[in-house]
C-alpha atoms as a PDB file:
ATOM      1  CA  MET A   1    -331.107  39.650 -33.443  1.00  0.00           C
ATOM      2  CA  ARG A   2    -333.056  40.023 -36.679  1.00  0.00           C
ATOM      3  CA  ALA A   3    -332.569  37.416 -39.417  1.00  0.00           C
ATOM      4  CA  GLY A   4    -331.002  39.878 -41.875  1.00  0.00           C
ATOM      5  CA  ARG A   5    -328.447  41.042 -39.316  1.00  0.00           C
ATOM      6  CA  LEU A   6    -327.608  37.476 -38.355  1.00  0.00           C
ATOM      7  CA  THR A   7    -326.964  36.568 -42.003  1.00  0.00           C
ATOM      8  CA  VAL A   8    -324.645  39.540 -42.473  1.00  0.00           C
ATOM      9  CA  THR A   9    -322.800  38.786 -39.233  1.00  0.00           C
ATOM     10  CA  ILE A  10    -322.140  35.145 -40.090  1.00  0.00           C
ATOM     11  CA  ALA A  11    -321.086  36.073 -43.617  1.00  0.00           C
ATOM     12  CA  ALA A  12    -318.593  38.578 -42.249  1.00  0.00           C
ATOM     13  CA  ILE A  13    -317.001  36.003 -39.979  1.00  0.00           C
ATOM     14  CA  LEU A  14    -316.810  33.494 -42.808  1.00  0.00           C
ATOM     15  CA  VAL A  15    -314.798  36.023 -44.813  1.00  0.00           C
ATOM     16  CA  VAL A  16    -312.333  36.124 -41.934  1.00  0.00           C
ATOM     17  CA  VAL A  17    -311.961  32.376 -41.543  1.00  0.00           C
ATOM     18  CA  GLY A  18    -312.288  31.328 -45.145  1.00  0.00           C
ATOM     19  CA  GLY A  19    -315.506  29.458 -45.804  1.00  0.00           C
ATOM     20  CA  THR A  20    -318.188  27.201 -44.414  1.00  0.00           C
ATOM     21  CA  ALA A  21    -318.086  23.614 -43.235  1.00  0.00           C
ATOM     22  CA  ALA A  22    -319.624  21.146 -40.819  1.00  0.00           C
ATOM     23  CA  TYR A  23    -318.716  18.789 -38.048  1.00  0.00           C
ATOM     24  CA  VAL A  24    -319.490  15.756 -35.948  1.00  0.00           C
ATOM     25  CA  VAL A  25    -318.954  15.796 -32.215  1.00  0.00           C
ATOM     26  CA  THR A  26    -317.357  12.968 -30.284  1.00  0.00           C
ATOM     27  CA  ALA A  27    -318.314  12.821 -26.636  1.00  0.00           C
ATOM     28  CA  ALA A  28    -316.546  11.326 -23.672  1.00  0.00           C
ATOM     29  CA  GLY A  29    -316.191  11.171 -19.915  1.00  0.00           C
ATOM     30  CA  ASP A  30    -318.237  10.426 -16.854  1.00  0.00           C
ATOM     31  CA  ALA A  31    -318.754  12.385 -13.671  1.00  0.00           C
ATOM     32  CA  ASN A  32    -315.939  10.646 -11.807  1.00  0.00           C
ATOM     33  CA  GLU A  33    -313.224  10.872 -14.471  1.00  0.00           C
ATOM     34  CA  PRO A  34    -311.177  13.768 -15.887  1.00  0.00           C
ATOM     35  CA  ALA A  35    -312.655  15.470 -18.937  1.00  0.00           C
ATOM     36  CA  GLY A  36    -312.108  13.519 -22.128  1.00  0.00           C
ATOM     37  CA  THR A  37    -311.974   9.822 -21.195  1.00  0.00           C
ATOM     38  CA  GLU A  38    -312.439   7.037 -23.745  1.00  0.00           C
ATOM     39  CA  HIS A  39    -316.225   6.637 -23.797  1.00  0.00           C
ATOM     40  CA  VAL A  40    -317.440   7.936 -27.166  1.00  0.00           C
ATOM     41  CA  SER A  41    -320.847   9.095 -28.336  1.00  0.00           C
ATOM     42  CA  GLN A  42    -322.146  11.812 -30.679  1.00  0.00           C
ATOM     43  CA  ALA A  43    -323.742  15.201 -30.146  1.00  0.00           C
ATOM     44  CA  LYS A  44    -324.245  18.447 -32.060  1.00  0.00           C
ATOM     45  CA  VAL A  45    -323.820  22.123 -31.267  1.00  0.00           C
ATOM     46  CA  GLY A  46    -323.926  25.278 -33.404  1.00  0.00           C
ATOM     47  CA  ASP A  47    -321.300  26.429 -35.893  1.00  0.00           C
ATOM     48  CA  LEU A  48    -317.908  26.688 -34.260  1.00  0.00           C
ATOM     49  CA  LEU A  49    -314.448  28.075 -35.028  1.00  0.00           C
ATOM     50  CA  PHE A  50    -311.346  26.570 -33.414  1.00  0.00           C
ATOM     51  CA  VAL A  51    -307.577  26.183 -33.741  1.00  0.00           C
ATOM     52  CA  ASP A  52    -306.519  22.758 -35.033  1.00  0.00           C
ATOM     53  CA  LEU A  53    -303.418  21.448 -33.227  1.00  0.00           C
ATOM     54  CA  ALA A  54    -303.126  18.053 -34.931  1.00  0.00           C
ATOM     55  CA  GLY A  55    -300.984  19.106 -37.891  1.00  0.00           C
ATOM     56  CA  GLY A  56    -298.694  21.385 -35.924  1.00  0.00           C
ATOM     57  CA  GLN A  57    -299.707  24.385 -38.062  1.00  0.00           C
ATOM     58  CA  ASN A  58    -302.264  25.882 -35.637  1.00  0.00           C
ATOM     59  CA  ARG A  59    -304.733  26.521 -38.460  1.00  0.00           C
ATOM     60  CA  VAL A  60    -308.141  28.036 -37.719  1.00  0.00           C
ATOM     61  CA  GLU A  61    -310.957  25.742 -38.885  1.00  0.00           C
ATOM     62  CA  LYS A  62    -314.723  25.996 -39.045  1.00  0.00           C
ATOM     63  CA  LEU A  63    -317.228  23.240 -38.377  1.00  0.00           C
ATOM     64  CA  ALA A  64    -320.962  23.082 -38.901  1.00  0.00           C
ATOM     65  CA  GLY A  65    -323.789  20.591 -38.616  1.00  0.00           C
ATOM     66  CA  SER A  66    -323.136  18.057 -41.388  1.00  0.00           C
ATOM     67  CA  GLY A  67    -319.781  16.709 -40.249  1.00  0.00           C
ATOM     68  CA  ALA A  68    -317.260  18.321 -42.646  1.00  0.00           C
ATOM     69  CA  ARG A  69    -314.392  20.553 -41.532  1.00  0.00           C
ATOM     70  CA  THR A  70    -312.943  23.451 -43.515  1.00  0.00           C
ATOM     71  CA  PRO A  71    -309.419  24.688 -42.715  1.00  0.00           C
ATOM     72  CA  THR A  72    -308.333  28.248 -43.462  1.00  0.00           C
ATOM     73  CA  ASP A  73    -304.967  29.850 -44.142  1.00  0.00           C
ATOM     74  CA  ILE A  74    -305.056  31.647 -40.764  1.00  0.00           C
ATOM     75  CA  ALA A  75    -302.513  30.368 -38.184  1.00  0.00           C
ATOM     76  CA  CYS A  76    -302.918  31.385 -34.527  1.00  0.00           C
ATOM     77  CA  GLN A  77    -301.795  30.341 -31.072  1.00  0.00           C
ATOM     78  CA  ARG A  78    -305.136  31.676 -29.833  1.00  0.00           C
ATOM     79  CA  PHE A  79    -308.191  32.826 -31.809  1.00  0.00           C
ATOM     80  CA  TYR A  80    -311.635  34.257 -31.126  1.00  0.00           C
ATOM     81  CA  ALA A  81    -314.366  35.893 -33.221  1.00  0.00           C
ATOM     82  CA  ALA A  82    -317.702  37.584 -32.558  1.00  0.00           C
ATOM     83  CA  SER A  83    -320.039  39.740 -34.648  1.00  0.00           C
ATOM     84  CA  GLY A  84    -317.611  40.156 -37.519  1.00  0.00           C
ATOM     85  CA  THR A  85    -314.532  40.932 -35.401  1.00  0.00           C
ATOM     86  CA  SER A  86    -311.721  38.418 -34.935  1.00  0.00           C
ATOM     87  CA  VAL A  87    -308.468  38.380 -32.983  1.00  0.00           C
ATOM     88  CA  CYS A  88    -305.550  36.088 -33.782  1.00  0.00           C
ATOM     89  CA  LEU A  89    -302.673  35.849 -31.294  1.00  0.00           C
ATOM     90  CA  LYS A  90    -299.794  34.715 -33.465  1.00  0.00           C
ATOM     91  CA  LEU A  91    -296.083  34.578 -34.149  1.00  0.00           C
ATOM     92  CA  ALA A  92    -294.972  37.911 -35.554  1.00  0.00           C
ATOM     93  CA  GLY A  93    -291.219  37.549 -35.973  1.00  0.00           C
ATOM     94  CA  PRO A  94    -287.953  36.118 -34.630  1.00  0.00           C
ATOM     95  CA  GLY A  95    -287.143  35.949 -30.945  1.00  0.00           C
ATOM     96  CA  PRO A  96    -289.883  34.713 -31.041  1.00  0.00           C
ATOM     97  CA  SER A  97    -292.159  37.744 -30.957  1.00  0.00           C
ATOM     98  CA  TYR A  98    -295.967  37.714 -30.954  1.00  0.00           C
ATOM     99  CA  ALA A  99    -298.824  40.031 -31.894  1.00  0.00           C
ATOM    100  CA  ALA A 100    -302.592  40.322 -31.586  1.00  0.00           C
ATOM    101  CA  GLU A 101    -303.914  40.712 -35.143  1.00  0.00           C
ATOM    102  CA  VAL A 102    -307.421  42.212 -35.155  1.00  0.00           C
ATOM    103  CA  SER A 103    -309.740  42.111 -38.196  1.00  0.00           C
ATOM    104  CA  ARG A 104    -313.288  43.337 -38.754  1.00  0.00           C
ATOM    105  CA  ASP A 105    -315.530  42.171 -41.587  1.00  0.00           C
ATOM    106  CA  GLY A 106    -312.535  40.411 -43.093  1.00  0.00           C
ATOM    107  CA  LYS A 107    -310.301  43.500 -43.156  1.00  0.00           C
ATOM    108  CA  PRO A 108    -307.247  44.086 -40.911  1.00  0.00           C
ATOM    109  CA  VAL A 109    -307.876  46.697 -38.219  1.00  0.00           C
ATOM    110  CA  LYS A 110    -304.769  46.744 -36.042  1.00  0.00           C
ATOM    111  CA  SER A 111    -301.761  44.696 -34.981  1.00  0.00           C
ATOM    112  CA  VAL A 112    -300.752  45.016 -31.317  1.00  0.00           C
ATOM    113  CA  ALA A 113    -297.343  43.711 -30.239  1.00  0.00           C
ATOM    114  CA  LEU A 114    -297.541  41.291 -27.307  1.00  0.00           C
ATOM    115  CA  PRO A 115    -294.878  41.324 -24.584  1.00  0.00           C
ATOM    116  CA  GLY A 116    -294.939  37.538 -24.125  1.00  0.00           C
ATOM    117  CA  ILE A 117    -296.422  34.162 -25.047  1.00  0.00           C
ATOM    118  CA  PRO A 118    -300.122  34.220 -26.116  1.00  0.00           C
ATOM    119  CA  SER A 119    -302.471  32.816 -23.488  1.00  0.00           C
ATOM    120  CA  ARG A 120    -306.073  34.110 -23.741  1.00  0.00           C
ATOM    121  CA  ALA A 121    -308.136  35.921 -26.396  1.00  0.00           C
ATOM    122  CA  LYS A 122    -311.720  37.167 -26.386  1.00  0.00           C
ATOM    123  CA  VAL A 123    -314.027  39.496 -28.330  1.00  0.00           C
ATOM    124  CA  SER A 124    -317.065  41.126 -26.744  1.00  0.00           C
ATOM    125  CA  ARG A 125    -320.432  39.914 -28.004  1.00  0.00           C
ATOM    126  CA  SER A 126    -320.922  43.134 -29.997  1.00  0.00           C
ATOM    127  CA  GLY A 127    -317.525  42.744 -31.677  1.00  0.00           C
ATOM    128  CA  ASN A 128    -316.464  46.162 -30.367  1.00  0.00           C
ATOM    129  CA  VAL A 129    -313.895  45.230 -27.699  1.00  0.00           C
ATOM    130  CA  VAL A 130    -311.022  42.785 -28.244  1.00  0.00           C
ATOM    131  CA  SER A 131    -308.977  41.528 -25.281  1.00  0.00           C
ATOM    132  CA  TRP A 132    -305.912  39.352 -24.808  1.00  0.00           C
ATOM    133  CA  THR A 133    -303.532  37.980 -22.172  1.00  0.00           C
ATOM    134  CA  SER A 134    -299.913  36.930 -22.609  1.00  0.00           C
ATOM    135  CA  PHE A 135    -297.313  35.385 -20.302  1.00  0.00           C
ATOM    136  CA  VAL A 136    -294.460  37.825 -19.792  1.00  0.00           C
ATOM    137  CA  THR A 137    -292.470  35.408 -17.605  1.00  0.00           C
ATOM    138  CA  GLY A 138    -293.240  31.768 -16.892  1.00  0.00           C
ATOM    139  CA  ASP A 139    -295.560  29.683 -19.034  1.00  0.00           C
ATOM    140  CA  SER A 140    -298.380  28.414 -16.829  1.00  0.00           C
ATOM    141  CA  TYR A 141    -300.735  29.431 -14.056  1.00  0.00           C
ATOM    142  CA  SER A 142    -299.844  26.361 -11.975  1.00  0.00           C
ATOM    143  CA  VAL A 143    -298.002  28.122  -9.150  1.00  0.00           C
ATOM    144  CA  PRO A 144    -299.568  31.369  -7.873  1.00  0.00           C
ATOM    145  CA  GLY A 145    -296.935  34.110  -7.909  1.00  0.00           C
ATOM    146  CA  GLY A 146    -294.641  32.045 -10.158  1.00  0.00           C
ATOM    147  CA  PHE A 147    -295.469  33.905 -13.358  1.00  0.00           C
ATOM    148  CA  SER A 148    -296.229  37.333 -14.763  1.00  0.00           C
ATOM    149  CA  THR A 149    -299.018  38.140 -17.217  1.00  0.00           C
ATOM    150  CA  ARG A 150    -300.052  41.179 -19.240  1.00  0.00           C
ATOM    151  CA  THR A 151    -303.679  41.789 -20.199  1.00  0.00           C
ATOM    152  CA  GLY A 152    -304.834  44.469 -22.619  1.00  0.00           C
ATOM    153  CA  PHE A 153    -307.726  45.439 -24.865  1.00  0.00           C
ATOM    154  CA  LEU A 154    -308.592  47.332 -28.042  1.00  0.00           C
ATOM    155  CA  ASP A 155    -311.794  49.291 -28.628  1.00  0.00           C
ATOM    156  CA  VAL A 156    -312.388  48.745 -32.346  1.00  0.00           C
ATOM    157  CA  ARG A 157    -314.753  51.738 -32.554  1.00  0.00           C
ATOM    158  CA  THR A 158    -312.284  54.331 -31.303  1.00  0.00           C
ATOM    159  CA  GLY A 159    -308.920  52.623 -31.778  1.00  0.00           C
ATOM    160  CA  GLU A 160    -308.136  53.034 -28.065  1.00  0.00           C
ATOM    161  CA  THR A 161    -305.546  50.451 -27.090  1.00  0.00           C
ATOM    162  CA  VAL A 162    -304.737  49.681 -23.458  1.00  0.00           C
ATOM    163  CA  GLU A 163    -301.790  47.318 -23.231  1.00  0.00           C
ATOM    164  CA  SER A 164    -302.068  46.599 -19.490  1.00  0.00           C
ATOM    165  CA  LEU A 165    -304.687  46.804 -16.738  1.00  0.00           C
ATOM    166  CA  GLU A 166    -302.052  47.179 -14.036  1.00  0.00           C
ATOM    167  CA  HIS A 167    -302.636  50.943 -13.716  1.00  0.00           C
ATOM    168  CA  PHE A 168    -306.358  50.425 -12.971  1.00  0.00           C
ATOM    169  CA  THR A 169    -307.410  51.338  -9.420  1.00  0.00           C
ATOM    170  CA  ALA A 170    -308.150  48.050  -7.630  1.00  0.00           C
ATOM    171  CA  THR A 171    -310.236  47.685  -4.497  1.00  0.00           C
ATOM    172  CA  VAL A 172    -309.708  44.227  -2.999  1.00  0.00           C
ATOM    173  CA  GLU A 173    -311.773  43.046  -0.039  1.00  0.00           C
ATOM    174  CA  GLY A 174    -312.646  46.630   0.853  1.00  0.00           C
ATOM    175  CA  SER A 175    -309.213  48.260   0.585  1.00  0.00           C
ATOM    176  CA  VAL A 176    -307.328  49.892  -2.279  1.00  0.00           C
ATOM    177  CA  LEU A 177    -304.602  47.506  -3.410  1.00  0.00           C
ATOM    178  CA  THR A 178    -301.155  49.116  -3.488  1.00  0.00           C
ATOM    179  CA  ALA A 179    -299.004  45.990  -3.933  1.00  0.00           C
ATOM    180  CA  ARG A 180    -296.577  45.975  -6.868  1.00  0.00           C
ATOM    181  CA  ASP A 181    -296.988  42.273  -7.747  1.00  0.00           C
ATOM    182  CA  VAL A 182    -300.423  42.683  -9.384  1.00  0.00           C
ATOM    183  CA  ASN A 183    -301.257  40.483 -12.394  1.00  0.00           C
ATOM    184  CA  TYR A 184    -304.445  40.391 -14.460  1.00  0.00           C
ATOM    185  CA  TRP A 185    -305.655  37.763 -16.888  1.00  0.00           C
ATOM    186  CA  GLY A 186    -308.786  36.446 -18.589  1.00  0.00           C
ATOM    187  CA  LEU A 187    -310.655  39.670 -19.458  1.00  0.00           C
ATOM    188  CA  THR A 188    -314.325  39.183 -20.464  1.00  0.00           C
ATOM    189  CA  VAL A 189    -316.483  42.174 -21.459  1.00  0.00           C
ATOM    190  CA  GLY A 190    -320.232  42.686 -20.990  1.00  0.00           C
ATOM    191  CA  SER A 191    -322.915  43.784 -23.456  1.00  0.00           C
ATOM    192  CA  ASP A 192    -322.350  47.470 -22.666  1.00  0.00           C
ATOM    193  CA  ASP A 193    -318.720  47.141 -23.904  1.00  0.00           C
ATOM    194  CA  ARG A 194    -317.613  48.684 -20.623  1.00  0.00           C
ATOM    195  CA  THR A 195    -318.349  46.361 -17.715  1.00  0.00           C
ATOM    196  CA  PHE A 196    -315.854  43.520 -17.470  1.00  0.00           C
ATOM    197  CA  TYR A 197    -314.714  40.640 -15.300  1.00  0.00           C
ATOM    198  CA  ALA A 198    -311.150  39.388 -14.941  1.00  0.00           C
ATOM    199  CA  THR A 199    -308.751  37.626 -12.596  1.00  0.00           C
ATOM    200  CA  LEU A 200    -306.530  39.705 -10.348  1.00  0.00           C
ATOM    201  CA  ALA A 201    -303.587  38.025  -8.610  1.00  0.00           C
ATOM    202  CA  SER A 202    -301.419  39.396  -5.810  1.00  0.00           C
ATOM    203  CA  GLY A 203    -299.556  37.933  -2.865  1.00  0.00           C
ATOM    204  CA  GLY A 204    -300.158  34.357  -3.982  1.00  0.00           C
ATOM    205  CA  PHE A 205    -303.958  34.775  -4.091  1.00  0.00           C
ATOM    206  CA  THR A 206    -306.414  35.261  -6.946  1.00  0.00           C
ATOM    207  CA  TRP A 207    -309.707  37.128  -7.052  1.00  0.00           C
ATOM    208  CA  LEU A 208    -312.577  37.411  -9.485  1.00  0.00           C
ATOM    209  CA  VAL A 209    -312.920  41.151 -10.066  1.00  0.00           C
ATOM    210  CA  LYS A 210    -315.591  43.263 -11.712  1.00  0.00           C
ATOM    211  CA  GLY A 211    -314.338  46.344 -13.517  1.00  0.00           C
ATOM    212  CA  ASP A 212    -315.139  49.375 -15.637  1.00  0.00           C
ATOM    213  CA  LEU A 213    -313.036  49.907 -18.775  1.00  0.00           C
ATOM    214  CA  ALA A 214    -313.931  53.608 -18.959  1.00  0.00           C
ATOM    215  CA  ALA A 215    -313.413  54.443 -15.278  1.00  0.00           C
ATOM    216  CA  LYS A 216    -310.351  52.136 -15.115  1.00  0.00           C
ATOM    217  CA  THR A 217    -311.405  50.585 -11.812  1.00  0.00           C
ATOM    218  CA  VAL A 218    -311.873  47.048 -10.499  1.00  0.00           C
ATOM    219  CA  THR A 219    -313.486  45.632  -7.363  1.00  0.00           C
ATOM    220  CA  SER A 220    -313.009  42.119  -5.993  1.00  0.00           C
ATOM    221  CA  LEU A 221    -316.018  39.790  -5.814  1.00  0.00           C
ATOM    222  CA  ARG A 222    -314.535  36.535  -4.473  1.00  0.00           C
ATOM    223  CA  ARG A 223    -311.300  34.630  -4.095  1.00  0.00           C
ATOM    224  CA  ASP A 224    -310.064  31.619  -6.039  1.00  0.00           C
ATOM    225  CA  ALA A 225    -311.671  32.255  -9.415  1.00  0.00           C
ATOM    226  CA  GLU A 226    -309.587  32.415 -12.598  1.00  0.00           C
ATOM    227  CA  CYS A 227    -310.107  33.075 -16.313  1.00  0.00           C
ATOM    228  CA  PRO A 228    -313.732  34.250 -16.105  1.00  0.00           C
ATOM    229  CA  SER A 229    -316.180  34.181 -19.002  1.00  0.00           C
ATOM    230  CA  LEU A 230    -319.437  36.157 -18.865  1.00  0.00           C
ATOM    231  CA  SER A 231    -322.609  34.478 -20.162  1.00  0.00           C
ATOM    232  CA  PRO A 232    -324.371  36.100 -23.164  1.00  0.00           C
ATOM    233  CA  ASP A 233    -327.192  37.428 -20.974  1.00  0.00           C
ATOM    234  CA  GLY A 234    -324.760  38.761 -18.360  1.00  0.00           C
ATOM    235  CA  THR A 235    -326.271  36.806 -15.464  1.00  0.00           C
ATOM    236  CA  LYS A 236    -323.547  34.190 -14.908  1.00  0.00           C
ATOM    237  CA  VAL A 237    -319.767  33.948 -14.913  1.00  0.00           C
ATOM    238  CA  ALA A 238    -317.902  30.713 -15.616  1.00  0.00           C
ATOM    239  CA  TYR A 239    -314.337  30.332 -14.351  1.00  0.00           C
ATOM    240  CA  LYS A 240    -311.771  27.722 -13.458  1.00  0.00           C
ATOM    241  CA  LYS A 241    -311.392  26.994  -9.745  1.00  0.00           C
ATOM    242  CA  ARG A 242    -308.730  24.955  -7.985  1.00  0.00           C
ATOM    243  CA  ILE A 243    -309.503  21.629  -6.348  1.00  0.00           C
ATOM    244  CA  GLY A 244    -307.633  22.254  -3.095  1.00  0.00           C
ATOM    245  CA  ARG A 245    -304.943  24.911  -2.574  1.00  0.00           C
ATOM    246  CA  LEU A 246    -302.561  23.774  -5.340  1.00  0.00           C
ATOM    247  CA  GLY A 247    -304.577  21.047  -7.046  1.00  0.00           C
ATOM    248  CA  PRO A 248    -305.868  21.013 -10.634  1.00  0.00           C
ATOM    249  CA  TRP A 249    -308.723  23.250 -11.709  1.00  0.00           C
ATOM    250  CA  ASP A 250    -312.268  22.397 -12.598  1.00  0.00           C
ATOM    251  CA  LEU A 251    -314.926  24.631 -14.122  1.00  0.00           C
ATOM    252  CA  ALA A 252    -317.451  26.475 -11.965  1.00  0.00           C
ATOM    253  CA  VAL A 253    -320.392  28.757 -12.782  1.00  0.00           C
ATOM    254  CA  LEU A 254    -321.393  31.663 -10.549  1.00  0.00           C
ATOM    255  CA  ASP A 255    -324.947  33.034 -10.597  1.00  0.00           C
ATOM    256  CA  LEU A 256    -324.358  36.754 -10.119  1.00  0.00           C
ATOM    257  CA  ALA A 257    -327.812  37.508  -8.698  1.00  0.00           C
ATOM    258  CA  SER A 258    -327.845  34.808  -6.015  1.00  0.00           C
ATOM    259  CA  ASN A 259    -324.043  34.587  -5.561  1.00  0.00           C
ATOM    260  CA  THR A 260    -324.295  30.791  -5.722  1.00  0.00           C
ATOM    261  CA  GLU A 261    -321.546  28.725  -7.306  1.00  0.00           C
ATOM    262  CA  LYS A 262    -321.833  25.340  -9.002  1.00  0.00           C
ATOM    263  CA  ARG A 263    -318.878  23.155 -10.020  1.00  0.00           C
ATOM    264  CA  LEU A 264    -319.302  21.289 -13.293  1.00  0.00           C
ATOM    265  CA  PRO A 265    -318.557  17.523 -13.417  1.00  0.00           C
ATOM    266  CA  GLY A 266    -315.928  16.029 -15.694  1.00  0.00           C
ATOM    267  CA  THR A 267    -313.992  19.290 -16.047  1.00  0.00           C
ATOM    268  CA  ALA A 268    -310.976  18.496 -13.824  1.00  0.00           C
ATOM    269  CA  GLY A 269    -307.772  19.519 -15.587  1.00  0.00           C
ATOM    270  CA  ILE A 270    -309.131  22.592 -17.377  1.00  0.00           C
ATOM    271  CA  ASP A 271    -306.561  25.353 -17.978  1.00  0.00           C
ATOM    272  CA  ASP A 272    -308.509  27.654 -20.242  1.00  0.00           C
ATOM    273  CA  GLN A 273    -310.902  30.587 -20.385  1.00  0.00           C
ATOM    274  CA  ALA A 274    -314.201  28.875 -21.166  1.00  0.00           C
ATOM    275  CA  THR A 275    -316.510  29.994 -23.989  1.00  0.00           C
ATOM    276  CA  TRP A 276    -320.291  30.212 -23.774  1.00  0.00           C
ATOM    277  CA  LEU A 277    -321.968  28.495 -26.745  1.00  0.00           C
ATOM    278  CA  GLY A 278    -325.335  29.884 -25.627  1.00  0.00           C
ATOM    279  CA  GLU A 279    -326.993  30.508 -22.286  1.00  0.00           C
ATOM    280  CA  ASN A 280    -326.823  26.830 -21.261  1.00  0.00           C
ATOM    281  CA  GLU A 281    -323.603  25.312 -22.616  1.00  0.00           C
ATOM    282  CA  LEU A 282    -319.872  25.944 -22.339  1.00  0.00           C
ATOM    283  CA  ALA A 283    -316.846  24.927 -24.389  1.00  0.00           C
ATOM    284  CA  PHE A 284    -313.258  24.792 -23.150  1.00  0.00           C
ATOM    285  CA  ALA A 285    -309.885  23.223 -23.925  1.00  0.00           C
ATOM    286  CA  ALA A 286    -308.273  20.601 -21.675  1.00  0.00           C
ATOM    287  CA  VAL A 287    -305.874  17.701 -22.157  1.00  0.00           C
ATOM    288  CA  PRO A 288    -307.881  14.435 -22.049  1.00  0.00           C
ATOM    289  CA  LYS A 289    -306.645  11.427 -20.119  1.00  0.00           C
ATOM    290  CA  ASP A 290    -303.775   9.653 -21.967  1.00  0.00           C
ATOM    291  CA  ALA A 291    -303.599  12.435 -24.593  1.00  0.00           C
ATOM    292  CA  LYS A 292    -300.720  14.786 -25.356  1.00  0.00           C
ATOM    293  CA  LEU A 293    -302.632  17.693 -26.868  1.00  0.00           C
ATOM    294  CA  PRO A 294    -305.676  19.627 -25.614  1.00  0.00           C
ATOM    295  CA  ALA A 295    -309.138  18.835 -26.939  1.00  0.00           C
ATOM    296  CA  VAL A 296    -312.186  21.088 -27.107  1.00  0.00           C
ATOM    297  CA  HIS A 297    -314.831  19.897 -24.615  1.00  0.00           C
ATOM    298  CA  ILE A 298    -318.458  20.882 -24.047  1.00  0.00           C
ATOM    299  CA  VAL A 299    -320.414  20.798 -20.790  1.00  0.00           C
ATOM    300  CA  PRO A 300    -323.913  21.932 -19.698  1.00  0.00           C
ATOM    301  CA  ALA A 301    -323.724  25.090 -17.581  1.00  0.00           C
ATOM    302  CA  ASP A 302    -326.170  23.677 -15.034  1.00  0.00           C
ATOM    303  CA  GLY A 303    -323.913  20.725 -14.157  1.00  0.00           C
ATOM    304  CA  SER A 304    -326.500  18.170 -15.272  1.00  0.00           C
ATOM    305  CA  GLN A 305    -323.984  16.120 -17.311  1.00  0.00           C
ATOM    306  CA  PRO A 306    -320.208  15.653 -17.327  1.00  0.00           C
ATOM    307  CA  ALA A 307    -318.014  17.302 -19.943  1.00  0.00           C
ATOM    308  CA  LYS A 308    -317.612  15.587 -23.334  1.00  0.00           C
ATOM    309  CA  VAL A 309    -314.819  15.735 -25.890  1.00  0.00           C
ATOM    310  CA  LEU A 310    -316.016  17.771 -28.845  1.00  0.00           C
ATOM    311  CA  ILE A 311    -312.906  18.071 -31.063  1.00  0.00           C
ATOM    312  CA  PRO A 312    -309.643  16.191 -30.362  1.00  0.00           C
ATOM    313  CA  ASP A 313    -306.328  18.040 -30.721  1.00  0.00           C
ATOM    314  CA  ALA A 314    -307.922  21.473 -30.753  1.00  0.00           C
ATOM    315  CA  THR A 315    -308.179  24.677 -28.757  1.00  0.00           C
ATOM    316  CA  SER A 316    -309.729  28.204 -28.837  1.00  0.00           C
ATOM    317  CA  PRO A 317    -313.409  27.319 -29.397  1.00  0.00           C
ATOM    318  CA  SER A 318    -315.379  30.296 -30.699  1.00  0.00           C
ATOM    319  CA  PRO A 319    -319.088  30.140 -31.649  1.00  0.00           C
ATOM    320  CA  VAL A 320    -320.204  31.807 -34.865  1.00  0.00           C
ATOM    321  CA  THR A 321    -322.458  34.703 -33.773  1.00  0.00           C
END
């Protein structure tokens, strides 16, 4: 990306979130403990947006390199931004009811009513495709088959809105899936704004699937992979993976070319769709040991170091791009 384009892109996102700021990172954990234990050190990453949970207002904040934090007047259950486009999954009325509020270059684009509780939000790297997942029944992924989700997307260029992937033709382990209990969640879109990865669940099992938004098809790649996130260069997919049949999840990274998978240390307890901060580092939300609220963690994608607490009482990490 050329310098002029980068400046315009960052400026556009700052209009959405309300200003610049900076931050200091606290780090924690070792390879044998859940993410976010007491050991504290300092580290730095690039500019980051997140949802602050500490005050109970779910305000979006921005952090940058000097250590300051700037809150905004935006309140979201889930938030993500890329290349000038942002999506805020938020309360929209009594009931309660929820909506995905999409903005581009600081201006509202569309509000899409959600059929349930906000769970996941992403924007493609280009800013052209916005995706979301909500819980229609149940409120966690803990028991396969014990919940129902709805995943949809908006193409900002055309205005096309698809509120569910459940009508997509799915080929699972070589056969067309005809079961009626299909759920999708964790949509992540590639650089062509067409290729995507997601989780498909049916019959108590989950699969990582690769799909085509235009052709409305998906094909299974492997079992037991949830909430995928595609790396910026499109060569790797990070996802949460259970430790045992019904145990907690940790974070794994799949190299798509070699089909090799690596689990990342210190990530046990993750229940999030991870975010790539670059080609070599991931951020995700998880509840640290002895804490009540999630914290944003960071971890090297090569598994060379355990995860560290980045921001306590926070969720929805989103790099400024």
